[in-house]
């Protein structure tokens, strides 16, 4: 059975709501406006920047607390 991935073409840029460490498995963002309502989906951190990184969002709690998988 294929693995479904969700996406959004209307996601609005947001910021991290606090610091994260390299091995973090969760992060909090300021807002999730336009983000997919279901998981999993891919999120770009520092989009377009020198340190851009892609993470898989595997769960969302309280709207803006994201559980991520950094091993893509």
N, C-alpha and C. Protein backbone atom coordinates (compact mmCIF):
# COMPACT_ATOMS: atom_id res chain seq x y z
N UNK A 1 0.85 -1.18 0.00
CA UNK A 1 0.00 0.00 0.00
C UNK A 1 0.90 1.24 0.00
N UNK A 2 0.63 2.21 -0.87
CA UNK A 2 1.47 3.41 -0.92
C UNK A 2 1.31 4.27 0.33
N UNK A 3 2.36 4.97 0.68
CA UNK A 3 2.32 5.90 1.80
C UNK A 3 1.80 7.23 1.30
N UNK A 4 0.77 7.73 1.92
CA UNK A 4 0.22 9.03 1.55
C UNK A 4 1.05 10.15 2.12
N UNK A 5 1.18 11.23 1.37
CA UNK A 5 1.84 12.44 1.85
C UNK A 5 0.88 13.57 1.56
N UNK A 6 0.73 14.44 2.49
CA UNK A 6 -0.16 15.57 2.34
C UNK A 6 0.65 16.80 1.96
N UNK A 7 0.00 17.77 1.36
CA UNK A 7 0.69 18.99 0.95
C UNK A 7 -0.29 20.15 0.99
N UNK A 8 0.25 21.35 0.87
CA UNK A 8 -0.56 22.55 0.82
C UNK A 8 0.09 23.54 -0.14
N UNK A 9 -0.72 24.18 -0.93
CA UNK A 9 -0.21 25.23 -1.81
C UNK A 9 -0.53 26.61 -1.25
N UNK A 10 -1.10 26.64 -0.03
CA UNK A 10 -1.47 27.93 0.57
C UNK A 10 -0.81 28.16 1.93
N UNK A 11 0.19 27.36 2.28
CA UNK A 11 0.86 27.52 3.57
C UNK A 11 1.54 28.88 3.64
N UNK A 12 1.40 29.53 4.76
CA UNK A 12 1.99 30.84 4.99
C UNK A 12 3.30 30.66 5.77
N UNK A 13 4.32 31.42 5.41
CA UNK A 13 5.60 31.35 6.13
C UNK A 13 5.37 31.65 7.60
N UNK A 14 6.12 30.98 8.45
CA UNK A 14 6.02 31.17 9.90
C UNK A 14 7.43 31.17 10.48
N UNK A 15 7.53 31.32 11.77
CA UNK A 15 8.82 31.30 12.46
C UNK A 15 8.80 30.26 13.56
N UNK A 16 9.99 29.83 13.96
CA UNK A 16 10.08 28.94 15.11
C UNK A 16 9.75 29.73 16.35
N UNK A 17 9.05 29.11 17.27
CA UNK A 17 8.71 29.75 18.52
C UNK A 17 9.62 29.20 19.61
N UNK A 18 10.91 29.51 19.49
CA UNK A 18 11.91 29.02 20.42
C UNK A 18 13.04 28.34 19.68
N UNK A 19 14.08 28.06 20.40
CA UNK A 19 15.27 27.44 19.81
C UNK A 19 15.08 25.93 19.67
N UNK A 20 15.80 25.35 18.71
CA UNK A 20 15.82 23.89 18.58
C UNK A 20 17.27 23.45 18.50
N UNK A 21 17.49 22.21 18.82
CA UNK A 21 18.84 21.64 18.77
C UNK A 21 18.91 20.68 17.59
N UNK A 22 20.10 20.34 17.11
CA UNK A 22 20.22 19.49 15.91
C UNK A 22 19.49 18.15 15.99
N UNK A 23 19.40 17.55 17.14
CA UNK A 23 18.75 16.25 17.26
C UNK A 23 17.28 16.35 17.71
N UNK A 24 16.69 17.52 17.57
CA UNK A 24 15.31 17.73 18.03
C UNK A 24 14.33 16.83 17.28
N UNK A 25 13.35 16.32 18.01
CA UNK A 25 12.30 15.53 17.38
C UNK A 25 10.96 16.26 17.42
N UNK A 26 10.98 17.47 17.94
CA UNK A 26 9.76 18.28 17.95
C UNK A 26 10.16 19.75 17.92
N UNK A 27 9.23 20.56 17.46
CA UNK A 27 9.46 22.01 17.44
C UNK A 27 8.12 22.71 17.51
N UNK A 28 8.14 23.94 17.95
CA UNK A 28 6.94 24.75 18.03
C UNK A 28 7.10 25.91 17.06
N UNK A 29 6.07 26.15 16.27
CA UNK A 29 6.09 27.26 15.33
C UNK A 29 5.08 28.31 15.78
N UNK A 30 5.25 29.54 15.29
CA UNK A 30 4.36 30.62 15.70
C UNK A 30 2.94 30.42 15.18
N UNK A 31 2.80 29.84 13.98
CA UNK A 31 1.47 29.61 13.39
C UNK A 31 1.56 28.49 12.36
N UNK A 32 0.44 27.87 12.08
CA UNK A 32 0.40 26.82 11.06
C UNK A 32 -0.65 27.15 10.00
N UNK A 33 -0.83 28.41 9.72
CA UNK A 33 -1.82 28.85 8.75
C UNK A 33 -1.55 28.24 7.38
N UNK A 34 -2.52 27.52 6.87
CA UNK A 34 -2.41 26.91 5.56
C UNK A 34 -1.65 25.60 5.52
N UNK A 35 -1.13 25.14 6.64
CA UNK A 35 -0.42 23.86 6.66
C UNK A 35 -1.43 22.74 6.43
N UNK A 36 -0.99 21.58 5.93
CA UNK A 36 -1.92 20.47 5.72
C UNK A 36 -2.61 20.08 7.03
N UNK A 37 -3.88 19.70 6.96
CA UNK A 37 -4.61 19.31 8.18
C UNK A 37 -4.25 17.92 8.68
N UNK A 38 -3.57 17.12 7.85
CA UNK A 38 -3.20 15.76 8.23
C UNK A 38 -1.71 15.55 8.01
N UNK A 39 -1.17 14.54 8.65
CA UNK A 39 0.24 14.20 8.48
C UNK A 39 0.33 12.85 7.79
N UNK A 40 1.44 12.54 7.17
CA UNK A 40 2.72 13.23 7.17
C UNK A 40 2.80 14.27 6.03
N UNK A 41 3.64 15.28 6.26
CA UNK A 41 3.97 16.24 5.21
C UNK A 41 5.38 16.74 5.45
N UNK A 42 5.98 17.30 4.41
CA UNK A 42 7.36 17.79 4.49
C UNK A 42 7.33 19.28 4.77
N UNK A 43 8.21 19.71 5.67
CA UNK A 43 8.32 21.12 6.05
C UNK A 43 9.74 21.57 5.80
N UNK A 44 9.91 22.72 5.17
CA UNK A 44 11.24 23.28 4.92
C UNK A 44 11.55 24.28 6.02
N UNK A 45 12.65 24.05 6.72
CA UNK A 45 13.13 24.98 7.74
C UNK A 45 14.17 25.89 7.09
N UNK A 46 14.11 27.18 7.36
CA UNK A 46 15.01 28.17 6.76
C UNK A 46 14.91 28.12 5.24
N UNK A 47 13.68 28.07 4.74
CA UNK A 47 13.41 27.93 3.30
C UNK A 47 14.16 28.98 2.49
N UNK A 48 14.93 28.52 1.52
CA UNK A 48 15.67 29.42 0.65
C UNK A 48 16.96 29.93 1.25
N UNK A 49 17.24 29.60 2.50
CA UNK A 49 18.44 30.06 3.18
C UNK A 49 19.59 29.07 3.03
N UNK A 50 20.75 29.50 3.46
CA UNK A 50 21.94 28.65 3.36
C UNK A 50 21.83 27.38 4.20
N UNK A 51 21.04 27.44 5.28
CA UNK A 51 20.90 26.29 6.18
C UNK A 51 19.56 25.57 5.98
N UNK A 52 18.95 25.70 4.80
CA UNK A 52 17.65 25.06 4.57
C UNK A 52 17.72 23.57 4.86
N UNK A 53 16.69 23.08 5.54
CA UNK A 53 16.61 21.66 5.89
C UNK A 53 15.17 21.21 5.75
N UNK A 54 14.98 20.02 5.22
CA UNK A 54 13.65 19.44 5.09
C UNK A 54 13.44 18.43 6.21
N UNK A 55 12.27 18.50 6.83
CA UNK A 55 11.90 17.53 7.88
C UNK A 55 10.52 16.99 7.55
N UNK A 56 10.25 15.78 7.97
CA UNK A 56 8.92 15.20 7.84
C UNK A 56 8.14 15.49 9.11
N UNK A 57 6.98 16.10 8.99
CA UNK A 57 6.10 16.31 10.13
C UNK A 57 5.25 15.06 10.24
N UNK A 58 5.35 14.38 11.39
CA UNK A 58 4.64 13.11 11.58
C UNK A 58 3.45 13.23 12.52
N UNK A 59 3.36 14.33 13.28
CA UNK A 59 2.23 14.55 14.18
C UNK A 59 2.15 16.02 14.53
N UNK A 60 0.93 16.46 14.83
CA UNK A 60 0.71 17.86 15.24
C UNK A 60 -0.11 17.84 16.51
N UNK A 61 0.34 18.58 17.52
CA UNK A 61 -0.38 18.68 18.79
C UNK A 61 -0.61 20.16 19.10
N UNK A 62 -1.74 20.46 19.63
CA UNK A 62 -2.09 21.82 20.04
C UNK A 62 -1.94 22.83 18.90
N UNK A 63 -2.03 22.35 17.65
CA UNK A 63 -2.02 23.25 16.51
C UNK A 63 -0.67 23.71 16.03
N UNK A 64 0.27 23.94 16.95
CA UNK A 64 1.56 24.49 16.52
C UNK A 64 2.77 23.74 17.08
N UNK A 65 2.54 22.63 17.73
CA UNK A 65 3.61 21.78 18.27
C UNK A 65 3.76 20.59 17.33
N UNK A 66 4.87 20.55 16.60
CA UNK A 66 5.05 19.58 15.53
C UNK A 66 6.08 18.52 15.93
N UNK A 67 5.75 17.26 15.72
CA UNK A 67 6.70 16.18 15.88
C UNK A 67 7.31 15.94 14.50
N UNK A 68 8.65 15.91 14.46
CA UNK A 68 9.32 15.81 13.17
C UNK A 68 10.30 14.64 13.14
N UNK A 69 10.54 14.17 11.92
CA UNK A 69 11.52 13.13 11.67
C UNK A 69 12.58 13.77 10.78
N UNK A 70 13.80 13.84 11.27
CA UNK A 70 14.87 14.51 10.52
C UNK A 70 15.63 13.57 9.60
N UNK A 71 15.37 12.28 9.68
CA UNK A 71 16.05 11.30 8.83
C UNK A 71 15.25 11.04 7.58
N UNK A 72 15.53 11.78 6.54
CA UNK A 72 14.78 11.61 5.29
C UNK A 72 15.53 10.77 4.31
